[in-house]
Amino acid sequence: FFFSLLVNSCMLETENSPTLPNGNSECGSTQAVAANIAGPSEVSNTENWSPPNPTSNLSNTRSSGLVRTPSLQKFFTENCTQLVSCPNPSCDYFFETSGIGETKRIYLPDGGEPTLEAIEHYQRFRYRCRKCSEEFCSVCKKIPYHEGFTCEEYTKDASSVHCRFCDKLLSDRDPTIIAEQLATLSTKVNTVVNNTCDNCLPKLEATHQGTHPCKHQKHCTFYHLGSCYSCIHPDCVEDGEASLEDDCQMCGINRLKNAPIIRLKCSHVFHYDCVIERLTKKWNTHEVNLKFTQCPLCNQNISAFFKKWEDNQLMQEIAGFKQHLRHLITNQVQKDPELQSKIPEDSTDLFLEEGLRHLNFYECFSCQSIYFGGTRACGDVDINVSPEQLLCSGCRNHCKVHGEDHMIYKCRFCCSTASYFCFGHTHFCSTCHTNAFELLQGSNQGYLKSEVPQCTSKDTCPLKIDHPPNGEEFAIGCALCKEESEEEPLHSSSEDSENNIANNTNKPAFVIQIHTGEIPEVKQQQQQSKRKRRRRKKR
């Protein structure tokens, strides 16, 4: 341990000490350590020496502060078994080992299981430098560490042929023949290169043939217009740029090299199949959102030069969906003066995003139409809502004569008329809306009838009607139909009421069972309907 501190402190002194005109440092402690071990004959010939690391992908940006001669390296190997040196030429850091490293499940590049020797090798000889954070093998000095292989297995595996997509070992392919085919491919695009396994042949058909000027095979998809973009092989990109060895940030599972890729207009690269799947599956929540139309890295709209007719048709459908959503948001803003100041009119997608911050829209389970389901001011309810409950008013209940706009609903939890519709599936009265989160707690949607006060009979019910138990959705009827029948009040029989309740599921409740003049909300809707009819007559 103290020897490790001595060596590293000498390195720091050498790096921070001024250099004399003859090229030597004022601090001679590091040179002295090297001289005492290696002898004077070797020190003068090691100024440009760097550790043997032929597989490193790092450049030697500066010379090492510590002169490590072959004798010094041999001394460390034979006598300092607890001292490890970083093979990074720009680091040259020494540190003491702490025994067996972390134990985790490792895999081969193709997803297979490594040998027991490779697992033991990973635990004993894989290190991460405490200074530069590079992972390396302390035996063969490979950067990064050859995970899943011993040094001998890695040497043999590196000289074999692997599938260009999934890295599966193709033991029946001759590396010399593959190299010749790749050399011919750079001049003849139609040359067949047998470096793809049988499972990845569909991916090969969807990939552009040929090579880049750097002689690397192309990975861009065949289903895009225009010329291929620049190579993103790890040897051809700068630090911080996306490469084929990076994970696809859209699926987050496979590397970019595992499937044909496409570059969006925002310059980010993803799997072509991941982009199409994201656009096809749309949102993954109950509430409608536009995340599926945006790049996950920069939030710009997904846009690319697609070649397939189906892909362009999909983009047109998304544009039509946005236009329809704009129309729905505009209708809700016009009904609520408070929203007009919060959601200013805008011709861009900012209007849609701002509208979805204040309003909730859902997709009907039955007809797949988009409908308004309440404001976001009510918050989100952490319950398990089945998709079957997300129904628009047309599929839930509607009047054969006047449609769905004038339907009156009972509060789901008490015997009052509903004034609010929230979460895309529940009607509330003013009192229950205030205590919405208390009513909707628990799993199984929280609509347990035993937890909700029940109505004893029609005579004691404030609505004076027969209705299902509290906890279930129920449509009382159409306000316009009630208005037209005011002159001849409709007194439905108990048999009609039972039939109406029994047929309530996904069917309209047309029988008006409201007691005239006892419900303020109904009177208000009736008065508004009368005013509209008078205006129409005057016109």
Protein backbone atom coordinates (compact mmCIF):
# COMPACT_ATOMS: atom_id res chain seq x y z
CA PHE A 1 0.00 0.00 0.00
CA PHE A 2 2.78 2.45 0.94
CA PHE A 3 4.70 1.55 -2.17
CA SER A 4 1.58 2.38 -4.23
CA LEU A 5 1.38 5.80 -2.56
CA LEU A 6 5.09 6.38 -3.19
CA VAL A 7 4.83 5.59 -6.91
CA ASN A 8 1.73 7.71 -7.49
CA SER A 9 3.10 10.63 -5.47
CA CYS A 10 6.26 10.51 -7.54
CA MET A 11 4.16 10.60 -10.69
CA LEU A 12 2.30 13.69 -9.49
CA GLU A 13 5.55 15.39 -8.53
CA THR A 14 6.95 14.67 -11.99
CA GLU A 15 3.82 16.02 -13.73
CA ASN A 16 3.72 19.21 -11.64
CA SER A 17 7.46 19.95 -11.58
CA PRO A 18 8.99 22.41 -14.06
CA THR A 19 11.18 20.94 -16.78
CA LEU A 20 14.83 21.90 -16.98
CA PRO A 21 16.51 22.84 -20.26
CA ASN A 22 18.00 19.39 -20.58
CA GLY A 23 14.53 17.81 -20.45
CA ASN A 24 14.82 16.41 -16.92
CA SER A 25 12.49 17.23 -14.05
CA GLU A 26 13.57 18.96 -10.90
CA CYS A 27 11.96 16.15 -8.93
CA GLY A 28 14.03 13.00 -9.29
CA SER A 29 12.15 10.70 -6.95
CA THR A 30 10.32 8.84 -9.77
CA GLN A 31 13.48 8.53 -11.83
CA ALA A 32 15.25 7.30 -8.73
CA VAL A 33 12.68 4.57 -8.17
CA ALA A 34 13.04 3.47 -11.77
CA ALA A 35 16.83 3.64 -11.63
CA ASN A 36 17.05 1.60 -8.46
CA ILE A 37 14.95 -1.16 -10.00
CA ALA A 38 15.90 -1.08 -13.65
CA GLY A 39 19.50 0.13 -13.50
CA PRO A 40 21.11 3.10 -15.26
CA SER A 41 21.45 1.36 -18.62
CA GLU A 42 17.68 1.09 -19.17
CA VAL A 43 16.44 4.46 -17.93
CA SER A 44 17.89 6.51 -20.77
CA ASN A 45 16.15 4.43 -23.45
CA THR A 46 12.58 4.56 -22.09
CA GLU A 47 11.49 8.15 -22.59
CA ASN A 48 8.92 7.21 -25.25
CA TRP A 49 7.99 3.88 -23.75
CA SER A 50 4.29 3.02 -23.36
CA PRO A 51 2.77 -0.18 -21.99
CA PRO A 52 1.94 -2.89 -24.52
CA ASN A 53 -1.72 -2.34 -25.39
CA PRO A 54 -2.37 -3.15 -29.07
CA THR A 55 -6.16 -3.45 -28.57
CA SER A 56 -6.66 -0.12 -26.80
CA ASN A 57 -8.98 2.35 -28.52
CA LEU A 58 -7.43 5.29 -26.71
CA SER A 59 -4.72 7.53 -28.10
CA ASN A 60 -1.55 8.38 -26.20
CA THR A 61 -2.14 12.08 -25.67
CA ARG A 62 0.80 12.65 -23.34
CA SER A 63 3.86 10.79 -22.16
CA SER A 64 3.80 9.01 -18.85
CA GLY A 65 5.17 10.77 -15.84
CA LEU A 66 6.57 7.48 -14.57
CA VAL A 67 9.28 5.73 -16.58
CA ARG A 68 8.18 2.10 -16.60
CA THR A 69 10.99 0.00 -18.04
CA PRO A 70 10.58 -3.68 -18.88
CA SER A 71 12.52 -4.52 -15.72
CA LEU A 72 10.22 -2.30 -13.68
CA GLN A 73 7.18 -3.97 -15.24
CA LYS A 74 8.66 -7.37 -14.50
CA PHE A 75 9.35 -6.31 -10.93
CA PHE A 76 5.70 -5.29 -10.46
CA THR A 77 4.50 -8.58 -11.93
CA GLU A 78 6.69 -10.82 -9.80
CA ASN A 79 6.84 -8.97 -6.48
CA CYS A 80 3.87 -6.59 -6.35
CA THR A 81 0.93 -8.87 -6.98
CA GLN A 82 -1.42 -6.51 -5.13
CA LEU A 83 -0.42 -3.52 -7.28
CA VAL A 84 -2.19 -2.95 -10.61
CA SER A 85 -1.24 -0.40 -13.27
CA CYS A 86 -3.77 1.18 -15.61
CA PRO A 87 -2.93 0.41 -19.29
CA ASN A 88 -4.36 3.72 -20.47
CA PRO A 89 -1.31 5.54 -21.91
CA SER A 90 -2.71 8.89 -20.78
CA CYS A 91 -3.20 7.70 -17.21
CA ASP A 92 -0.49 5.28 -15.98
CA TYR A 93 -2.10 5.10 -12.55
CA PHE A 94 -1.09 2.50 -9.96
CA PHE A 95 -3.49 1.22 -7.35
CA GLU A 96 -3.78 -1.66 -4.93
CA THR A 97 -6.26 -4.46 -5.50
CA SER A 98 -8.96 -5.30 -2.98
CA GLY A 99 -9.50 -8.98 -3.76
CA ILE A 100 -12.34 -10.57 -5.73
CA GLY A 101 -14.46 -8.00 -7.50
CA GLU A 102 -18.20 -7.63 -7.84
CA THR A 103 -20.32 -10.60 -8.85
CA LYS A 104 -22.90 -9.95 -11.53
CA ARG A 105 -24.48 -11.90 -14.35
CA ILE A 106 -22.51 -11.48 -17.58
CA TYR A 107 -23.33 -12.52 -21.12
CA LEU A 108 -21.57 -13.02 -24.41
CA PRO A 109 -22.07 -10.37 -27.11
CA ASP A 110 -24.71 -12.57 -28.77
CA GLY A 111 -26.59 -13.04 -25.49
CA GLY A 112 -25.23 -16.50 -24.73
CA GLU A 113 -23.88 -17.80 -21.43
CA PRO A 114 -20.10 -17.52 -20.81
CA THR A 115 -17.96 -20.37 -19.51
CA LEU A 116 -17.17 -20.80 -15.82
CA GLU A 117 -13.56 -19.85 -16.56
CA ALA A 118 -14.74 -16.58 -18.13
CA ILE A 119 -16.88 -15.77 -15.08
CA GLU A 120 -13.95 -16.41 -12.73
CA HIS A 121 -11.68 -14.36 -14.99
CA TYR A 122 -14.15 -11.47 -14.83
CA GLN A 123 -14.11 -11.52 -11.03
CA ARG A 124 -10.34 -11.72 -10.68
CA PHE A 125 -8.84 -9.68 -13.50
CA ARG A 126 -11.39 -7.02 -14.45
CA TYR A 127 -10.58 -3.63 -12.96
CA ARG A 128 -11.75 -0.03 -13.24
CA CYS A 129 -9.09 2.62 -12.91
CA ARG A 130 -9.73 4.98 -10.02
CA LYS A 131 -8.30 7.88 -11.96
CA CYS A 132 -9.58 7.62 -15.56
CA SER A 133 -12.50 5.18 -14.89
CA GLU A 134 -11.46 2.90 -17.76
CA GLU A 135 -12.35 -0.79 -17.42
CA PHE A 136 -9.50 -3.09 -18.42
CA CYS A 137 -8.07 -6.58 -18.10
CA SER A 138 -5.04 -6.73 -15.83
CA VAL A 139 -3.64 -9.73 -17.75
CA CYS A 140 -3.79 -8.75 -21.43
CA LYS A 141 -4.36 -4.98 -20.79
CA LYS A 142 -7.44 -4.90 -23.06
CA ILE A 143 -9.51 -1.68 -22.88
CA PRO A 144 -12.40 -2.11 -22.36
CA TYR A 145 -12.45 -5.43 -20.57
CA HIS A 146 -13.44 -8.39 -22.78
CA GLU A 147 -16.60 -9.27 -20.84
CA GLY A 148 -17.71 -12.87 -21.29
CA PHE A 149 -14.29 -14.19 -22.38
CA THR A 150 -10.98 -15.19 -20.94
CA CYS A 151 -7.93 -13.69 -22.65
CA GLU A 152 -7.43 -16.82 -24.74
CA GLU A 153 -11.12 -17.05 -25.64
CA TYR A 154 -11.17 -13.40 -26.65
CA THR A 155 -8.14 -13.80 -28.90
CA LYS A 156 -9.77 -16.74 -30.66
CA ASP A 157 -13.16 -15.00 -30.83
CA ALA A 158 -11.69 -11.80 -32.29
CA SER A 159 -10.26 -13.72 -35.25
CA SER A 160 -13.58 -15.50 -35.99
CA VAL A 161 -16.57 -14.39 -38.08
CA HIS A 162 -19.61 -12.96 -36.30
CA CYS A 163 -23.03 -11.91 -37.51
CA ARG A 164 -22.94 -8.20 -38.33
CA PHE A 165 -26.25 -7.65 -36.49
CA CYS A 166 -26.44 -9.95 -33.46
CA ASP A 167 -22.73 -10.86 -33.01
CA LYS A 168 -23.52 -14.56 -33.15
CA LEU A 169 -20.44 -16.68 -33.78
CA LEU A 170 -20.44 -18.10 -37.32
CA SER A 171 -17.97 -20.91 -36.93
CA ASP A 172 -18.68 -22.28 -40.42
CA ARG A 173 -17.52 -19.09 -42.19
CA ASP A 174 -13.93 -18.53 -43.30
CA PRO A 175 -12.55 -15.15 -42.11
CA THR A 176 -10.30 -14.92 -45.18
CA ILE A 177 -13.23 -15.30 -47.59
CA ILE A 178 -15.30 -12.75 -45.65
CA ALA A 179 -12.43 -10.26 -45.81
CA GLU A 180 -12.20 -10.72 -49.57
CA GLN A 181 -15.96 -10.24 -49.96
CA LEU A 182 -15.84 -7.02 -47.93
CA ALA A 183 -13.00 -5.73 -50.07
CA THR A 184 -14.99 -6.46 -53.23
CA LEU A 185 -18.15 -4.88 -51.75
CA SER A 186 -16.49 -1.47 -51.67
CA THR A 187 -16.33 -1.47 -55.49
CA LYS A 188 -19.27 -3.75 -56.40
CA VAL A 189 -22.43 -3.01 -54.42
CA ASN A 190 -24.16 -6.27 -55.37
CA THR A 191 -21.45 -8.41 -53.81
CA VAL A 192 -22.83 -10.91 -51.30
CA VAL A 193 -21.06 -10.91 -47.94
CA ASN A 194 -21.83 -14.00 -45.86
CA ASN A 195 -21.46 -12.39 -42.43
CA THR A 196 -25.15 -12.59 -41.45
CA CYS A 197 -26.82 -15.44 -39.56
CA ASP A 198 -30.05 -17.02 -40.77
CA ASN A 199 -32.17 -15.28 -38.13
CA CYS A 200 -30.95 -11.84 -39.23
CA LEU A 201 -31.52 -12.29 -42.97
CA PRO A 202 -34.77 -10.21 -42.85
CA LYS A 203 -32.74 -7.38 -41.32
CA LEU A 204 -30.22 -7.70 -44.13
CA GLU A 205 -32.98 -7.33 -46.74
CA ALA A 206 -34.13 -4.10 -45.05
CA THR A 207 -30.60 -2.64 -44.95
CA HIS A 208 -28.77 -0.64 -47.62
CA GLN A 209 -26.06 -2.64 -49.35
CA GLY A 210 -22.55 -1.35 -49.88
CA THR A 211 -19.91 0.29 -47.73
CA HIS A 212 -19.03 3.77 -46.58
CA PRO A 213 -15.82 5.47 -47.80
CA CYS A 214 -14.24 4.15 -44.59
CA LYS A 215 -14.90 0.55 -45.84
CA HIS A 216 -17.43 -0.20 -43.06
CA GLN A 217 -20.72 -1.81 -44.08
CA LYS A 218 -23.82 0.37 -44.11
CA HIS A 219 -26.46 -0.06 -41.40
CA CYS A 220 -29.05 2.46 -42.60
CA THR A 221 -32.48 1.14 -43.51
CA PHE A 222 -33.53 0.59 -47.08
CA TYR A 223 -36.90 2.23 -46.37
CA HIS A 224 -35.77 5.86 -46.44
CA LEU A 225 -35.29 8.27 -49.30
CA GLY A 226 -32.07 10.06 -50.16
CA SER A 227 -28.45 9.12 -49.80
CA CYS A 228 -27.06 7.26 -46.82
CA TYR A 229 -25.74 9.30 -43.93
CA SER A 230 -22.23 9.15 -42.56
CA CYS A 231 -20.83 6.05 -40.88
CA ILE A 232 -21.37 5.72 -37.12
CA HIS A 233 -18.97 2.81 -36.58
CA PRO A 234 -17.09 3.31 -33.27
CA ASP A 235 -13.88 3.92 -35.22
CA CYS A 236 -15.50 6.71 -37.26
CA VAL A 237 -17.22 8.84 -34.60
CA GLU A 238 -15.88 11.29 -32.08
CA ASP A 239 -16.35 11.10 -28.34
CA GLY A 240 -19.93 11.84 -27.32
CA GLU A 241 -21.47 10.99 -30.69
CA ALA A 242 -23.80 8.03 -31.18
CA SER A 243 -22.16 4.87 -32.48
CA LEU A 244 -23.35 1.42 -33.48
CA GLU A 245 -22.30 0.05 -30.09
CA ASP A 246 -24.63 2.42 -28.22
CA ASP A 247 -28.12 1.37 -27.15
CA CYS A 248 -31.12 2.56 -29.13
CA GLN A 249 -32.66 5.27 -26.95
CA MET A 250 -36.15 4.48 -28.23
CA CYS A 251 -36.34 0.81 -27.24
CA GLY A 252 -33.55 0.95 -24.64
CA ILE A 253 -32.85 -2.77 -25.08
CA ASN A 254 -30.70 -3.47 -28.15
CA ARG A 255 -27.67 -1.78 -29.61
CA LEU A 256 -28.02 0.27 -32.77
CA LYS A 257 -26.04 -2.32 -34.72
CA ASN A 258 -28.64 -5.00 -33.94
CA ALA A 259 -31.14 -3.72 -36.56
CA PRO A 260 -31.39 -1.29 -39.51
CA ILE A 261 -31.21 2.32 -38.35
CA ILE A 262 -32.70 5.59 -39.53
CA ARG A 263 -31.63 9.17 -38.86
CA LEU A 264 -34.48 11.57 -38.13
CA LYS A 265 -34.50 15.18 -39.30
CA CYS A 266 -33.48 16.20 -35.79
CA SER A 267 -30.22 14.24 -36.47
CA HIS A 268 -30.82 11.53 -33.83
CA VAL A 269 -30.42 7.88 -34.83
CA PHE A 270 -32.75 5.04 -33.83
CA HIS A 271 -33.83 1.63 -35.05
CA TYR A 272 -36.19 2.02 -37.99
CA ASP A 273 -38.57 -0.57 -36.52
CA CYS A 274 -38.56 1.23 -33.16
CA VAL A 275 -39.61 4.50 -34.82
CA ILE A 276 -42.50 2.87 -36.69
CA GLU A 277 -43.59 0.94 -33.59
CA ARG A 278 -43.59 4.14 -31.51
CA LEU A 279 -45.78 5.92 -34.07
CA THR A 280 -48.13 2.96 -34.39
CA LYS A 281 -48.69 2.16 -30.70
CA LYS A 282 -49.36 5.84 -29.87
CA TRP A 283 -49.65 6.70 -26.18
CA ASN A 284 -49.16 4.14 -23.40
CA THR A 285 -51.38 5.86 -20.79
CA HIS A 286 -55.12 6.27 -20.45
CA GLU A 287 -54.88 9.99 -21.21
CA VAL A 288 -54.11 11.08 -24.76
CA ASN A 289 -50.68 12.68 -25.16
CA LEU A 290 -48.34 13.58 -28.00
CA LYS A 291 -45.16 11.96 -26.65
CA PHE A 292 -45.34 9.24 -29.29
CA THR A 293 -44.98 11.86 -32.05
CA GLN A 294 -41.80 13.33 -30.54
CA CYS A 295 -38.16 12.31 -30.48
CA PRO A 296 -37.34 10.94 -27.00
CA LEU A 297 -34.04 12.86 -26.93
CA CYS A 298 -34.96 16.37 -28.10
CA ASN A 299 -38.82 16.35 -28.07
CA GLN A 300 -38.98 17.57 -31.66
CA ASN A 301 -41.62 16.08 -33.93
CA ILE A 302 -40.56 12.78 -35.47
CA SER A 303 -39.94 13.40 -39.13
CA ALA A 304 -37.95 11.51 -41.76
CA PHE A 305 -37.89 10.80 -45.48
CA PHE A 306 -39.85 7.57 -45.49
CA LYS A 307 -40.00 5.48 -48.65
CA LYS A 308 -42.81 3.04 -47.88
CA TRP A 309 -46.34 4.12 -48.66
CA GLU A 310 -47.57 2.69 -45.34
CA ASP A 311 -45.13 4.87 -43.40
CA ASN A 312 -46.21 8.04 -45.18
CA GLN A 313 -49.85 7.07 -44.68
CA LEU A 314 -49.13 6.69 -40.96
CA MET A 315 -47.65 10.19 -40.83
CA GLN A 316 -50.76 11.57 -42.56
CA GLU A 317 -52.98 9.85 -40.00
CA ILE A 318 -50.99 11.46 -37.19
CA ALA A 319 -51.38 14.88 -38.84
CA GLY A 320 -55.15 14.30 -39.09
CA PHE A 321 -55.26 13.21 -35.44
CA LYS A 322 -53.56 16.44 -34.38
CA GLN A 323 -56.02 18.48 -36.41
CA HIS A 324 -58.98 16.70 -34.79
CA LEU A 325 -57.43 17.16 -31.34
CA ARG A 326 -57.03 20.88 -32.05
CA HIS A 327 -60.74 21.07 -32.86
CA LEU A 328 -61.69 19.32 -29.59
CA ILE A 329 -59.45 21.58 -27.50
CA THR A 330 -60.85 24.69 -29.20
CA ASN A 331 -64.42 23.62 -28.37
CA GLN A 332 -63.58 23.16 -24.70
CA VAL A 333 -61.71 26.47 -24.51
CA GLN A 334 -64.68 28.33 -25.96
CA LYS A 335 -66.97 26.85 -23.29
CA ASP A 336 -64.74 27.86 -20.37
CA PRO A 337 -63.65 31.54 -20.14
CA GLU A 338 -60.91 30.66 -17.64
CA LEU A 339 -59.23 28.37 -20.15
CA GLN A 340 -59.11 31.11 -22.79
CA SER A 341 -56.44 32.96 -20.82
CA LYS A 342 -54.53 29.76 -19.99
CA ILE A 343 -54.56 28.29 -23.51
CA PRO A 344 -53.97 31.09 -26.04
CA GLU A 345 -54.79 30.33 -29.66
CA ASP A 346 -51.74 29.23 -31.62
CA SER A 347 -51.28 27.60 -35.00
CA THR A 348 -48.34 25.45 -33.87
CA ASP A 349 -48.18 22.33 -31.72
CA LEU A 350 -47.68 24.53 -28.65
CA PHE A 351 -51.44 25.02 -28.58
CA LEU A 352 -51.95 21.25 -28.45
CA GLU A 353 -49.35 20.74 -25.74
CA GLU A 354 -50.75 23.57 -23.64
CA GLY A 355 -54.28 22.25 -24.11
CA LEU A 356 -53.25 18.75 -22.97
CA ARG A 357 -51.69 20.28 -19.85
CA HIS A 358 -55.10 21.53 -18.76
CA LEU A 359 -57.52 19.07 -20.38
CA ASN A 360 -57.81 15.29 -20.42
CA PHE A 361 -58.83 13.42 -23.56
CA TYR A 362 -59.33 9.69 -23.90
CA GLU A 363 -59.81 7.13 -26.64
CA CYS A 364 -63.16 5.36 -26.52
CA PHE A 365 -62.76 1.63 -26.04
CA SER A 366 -65.78 0.89 -28.25
CA CYS A 367 -65.51 3.23 -31.24
CA GLN A 368 -61.86 4.44 -30.85
CA SER A 369 -62.94 8.08 -31.07
CA ILE A 370 -61.32 10.80 -28.95
CA TYR A 371 -63.52 12.40 -26.29
CA PHE A 372 -63.16 14.97 -23.53
CA GLY A 373 -62.86 13.40 -20.07
CA GLY A 374 -62.34 16.26 -17.61
CA THR A 375 -59.66 18.76 -16.66
CA ARG A 376 -56.21 18.02 -15.29
CA ALA A 377 -56.92 20.31 -12.37
CA CYS A 378 -58.69 17.33 -10.79
CA GLY A 379 -55.37 15.48 -10.75
CA ASP A 380 -54.55 11.89 -11.55
CA VAL A 381 -56.13 8.98 -9.73
CA ASP A 382 -53.78 6.10 -8.91
CA ILE A 383 -56.25 3.29 -9.57
CA ASN A 384 -56.51 0.38 -11.94
CA VAL A 385 -59.04 1.45 -14.54
CA SER A 386 -59.97 -1.16 -17.10
CA PRO A 387 -60.00 0.13 -20.70
CA GLU A 388 -63.60 -1.10 -21.05
CA GLN A 389 -64.70 1.72 -18.75
CA LEU A 390 -63.32 4.43 -21.05
CA LEU A 391 -66.37 5.11 -23.22
CA CYS A 392 -67.45 8.26 -24.98
CA SER A 393 -70.93 9.62 -24.26
CA GLY A 394 -72.17 8.29 -27.59
CA CYS A 395 -71.22 4.71 -26.70
CA ARG A 396 -72.17 5.12 -23.04
CA ASN A 397 -75.67 6.58 -23.39
CA HIS A 398 -77.32 8.81 -25.96
CA CYS A 399 -80.74 9.99 -27.10
CA LYS A 400 -82.04 8.69 -30.41
CA VAL A 401 -83.54 12.09 -31.17
CA HIS A 402 -81.12 14.67 -29.72
CA GLY A 403 -77.87 12.73 -29.53
CA GLU A 404 -75.44 12.81 -26.62
CA ASP A 405 -74.99 16.51 -25.82
CA HIS A 406 -78.10 16.88 -23.63
CA MET A 407 -77.87 13.71 -21.57
CA ILE A 408 -78.22 14.08 -17.79
CA TYR A 409 -76.29 11.69 -15.52
CA LYS A 410 -76.67 10.73 -11.91
CA CYS A 411 -73.71 11.15 -9.61
CA ARG A 412 -71.96 7.83 -9.36
CA PHE A 413 -71.75 7.92 -5.56
CA CYS A 414 -74.96 9.58 -4.36
CA CYS A 415 -78.54 10.42 -5.37
CA SER A 416 -77.84 13.76 -7.06
CA THR A 417 -77.47 14.89 -10.64
CA ALA A 418 -73.92 15.04 -11.91
CA SER A 419 -72.24 18.36 -12.58
CA TYR A 420 -68.72 17.08 -13.37
CA PHE A 421 -67.24 14.40 -15.61
CA CYS A 422 -63.68 13.47 -14.64
CA PHE A 423 -60.99 10.88 -15.35
CA GLY A 424 -62.80 9.83 -18.53
CA HIS A 425 -65.20 7.49 -16.74
CA THR A 426 -66.88 9.02 -13.68
CA HIS A 427 -69.68 11.57 -13.13
CA PHE A 428 -69.68 13.59 -9.89
CA CYS A 429 -72.02 15.98 -8.18
CA SER A 430 -70.50 19.10 -6.59
CA THR A 431 -70.21 17.50 -3.14
CA CYS A 432 -68.70 14.22 -4.28
CA HIS A 433 -66.35 16.04 -6.66
CA THR A 434 -64.81 17.78 -3.66
CA ASN A 435 -64.14 14.38 -2.04
CA ALA A 436 -63.23 12.60 -5.26
CA PHE A 437 -59.93 11.14 -4.06
CA GLU A 438 -61.51 9.71 -0.94
CA LEU A 439 -64.14 7.98 -3.04
CA LEU A 440 -61.65 6.63 -5.58
CA GLN A 441 -59.08 5.18 -3.19
CA GLY A 442 -58.06 1.56 -3.27
CA SER A 443 -57.54 -1.02 -5.97
CA ASN A 444 -60.26 -2.46 -8.18
CA GLN A 445 -61.16 1.14 -9.11
CA GLY A 446 -62.48 1.88 -5.61
CA TYR A 447 -66.08 1.51 -6.78
CA LEU A 448 -67.04 -0.99 -4.10
CA LYS A 449 -70.76 -0.75 -3.41
CA SER A 450 -70.32 -1.63 0.26
CA GLU A 451 -68.22 1.51 0.76
CA VAL A 452 -70.80 3.86 -0.83
CA PRO A 453 -74.03 4.93 0.98
CA GLN A 454 -76.97 3.31 -0.77
CA CYS A 455 -80.40 4.63 -1.61
CA THR A 456 -83.12 2.76 0.30
CA SER A 457 -86.10 3.27 -2.01
CA LYS A 458 -87.61 5.44 -4.70
CA ASP A 459 -89.76 7.32 -2.21
CA THR A 460 -86.80 8.47 -0.12
CA CYS A 461 -84.54 9.13 -3.14
CA PRO A 462 -84.03 12.86 -3.80
CA LEU A 463 -84.37 12.14 -7.52
CA LYS A 464 -87.62 10.20 -7.03
CA ILE A 465 -86.50 7.58 -9.56
CA ASP A 466 -85.44 3.96 -9.62
CA HIS A 467 -81.73 3.64 -10.36
CA PRO A 468 -78.91 1.11 -9.98
CA PRO A 469 -76.98 0.94 -6.70
CA ASN A 470 -74.71 3.86 -5.98
CA GLY A 471 -71.28 3.12 -7.36
CA GLU A 472 -72.41 2.50 -10.92
CA GLU A 473 -72.75 4.93 -13.80
CA PHE A 474 -76.36 5.78 -14.74
CA ALA A 475 -77.90 8.14 -17.29
CA ILE A 476 -81.15 9.74 -16.11
CA GLY A 477 -82.26 10.84 -19.56
CA CYS A 478 -82.28 13.58 -22.18
CA ALA A 479 -82.98 17.15 -21.06
CA LEU A 480 -84.57 18.14 -24.39
CA CYS A 481 -86.89 15.16 -24.34
CA LYS A 482 -87.96 16.20 -20.82
CA GLU A 483 -88.61 19.74 -21.99
CA GLU A 484 -90.78 18.58 -24.88
CA SER A 485 -92.81 16.36 -22.54
CA GLU A 486 -93.33 19.01 -19.83
CA GLU A 487 -96.90 19.66 -20.89
CA GLU A 488 -97.71 15.97 -20.41
CA PRO A 489 -95.55 14.69 -17.56
CA LEU A 490 -94.39 11.18 -18.12
CA HIS A 491 -95.10 8.79 -15.26
CA SER A 492 -93.29 5.62 -16.05
CA SER A 493 -94.33 2.37 -14.50
CA SER A 494 -92.06 0.37 -12.24
CA GLU A 495 -91.78 -2.24 -15.01
CA ASP A 496 -90.46 0.39 -17.43
CA SER A 497 -87.97 1.61 -14.85
CA GLU A 498 -86.64 -1.89 -14.27
CA ASN A 499 -86.24 -2.42 -18.02
CA ASN A 500 -84.44 0.91 -18.30
CA ILE A 501 -82.02 -0.01 -15.53
CA ALA A 502 -81.43 -3.49 -16.93
CA ASN A 503 -80.62 -2.09 -20.37
CA ASN A 504 -78.37 0.69 -19.04
CA THR A 505 -75.09 -0.94 -20.03
CA ASN A 506 -73.88 0.73 -23.24
CA LYS A 507 -77.54 1.57 -24.10
CA PRO A 508 -79.44 4.86 -23.86
CA ALA A 509 -81.80 5.59 -21.00
CA PHE A 510 -84.63 7.43 -22.74
CA VAL A 511 -87.31 7.25 -20.05
CA ILE A 512 -87.37 10.59 -18.23
CA GLN A 513 -87.91 9.92 -14.54
CA ILE A 514 -87.06 13.39 -13.21
CA HIS A 515 -89.51 15.09 -10.86
CA THR A 516 -90.32 18.49 -12.41
CA GLY A 517 -88.82 21.51 -10.67
CA GLU A 518 -86.92 19.72 -7.88
CA ILE A 519 -83.47 19.61 -9.48
CA PRO A 520 -81.81 23.02 -10.10
CA GLU A 521 -79.30 21.65 -12.61
CA VAL A 522 -82.09 20.24 -14.78
CA LYS A 523 -84.08 23.47 -14.66
CA GLN A 524 -81.01 25.43 -15.74
CA GLN A 525 -80.42 23.15 -18.72
CA GLN A 526 -84.08 23.39 -19.66
CA GLN A 527 -84.00 27.18 -19.57
CA GLN A 528 -80.92 27.27 -21.77
CA SER A 529 -82.58 24.97 -24.29
CA LYS A 530 -85.68 27.21 -24.40
CA ARG A 531 -83.55 30.26 -25.10
CA LYS A 532 -81.79 28.51 -27.97
CA ARG A 533 -85.11 27.48 -29.52
CA ARG A 534 -86.50 31.02 -29.24
CA ARG A 535 -83.44 32.43 -30.96
CA ARG A 536 -83.80 29.95 -33.78
CA LYS A 537 -87.45 30.90 -34.27
CA LYS A 538 -86.57 34.60 -34.40
CA ARG A 539 -83.93 33.96 -37.05
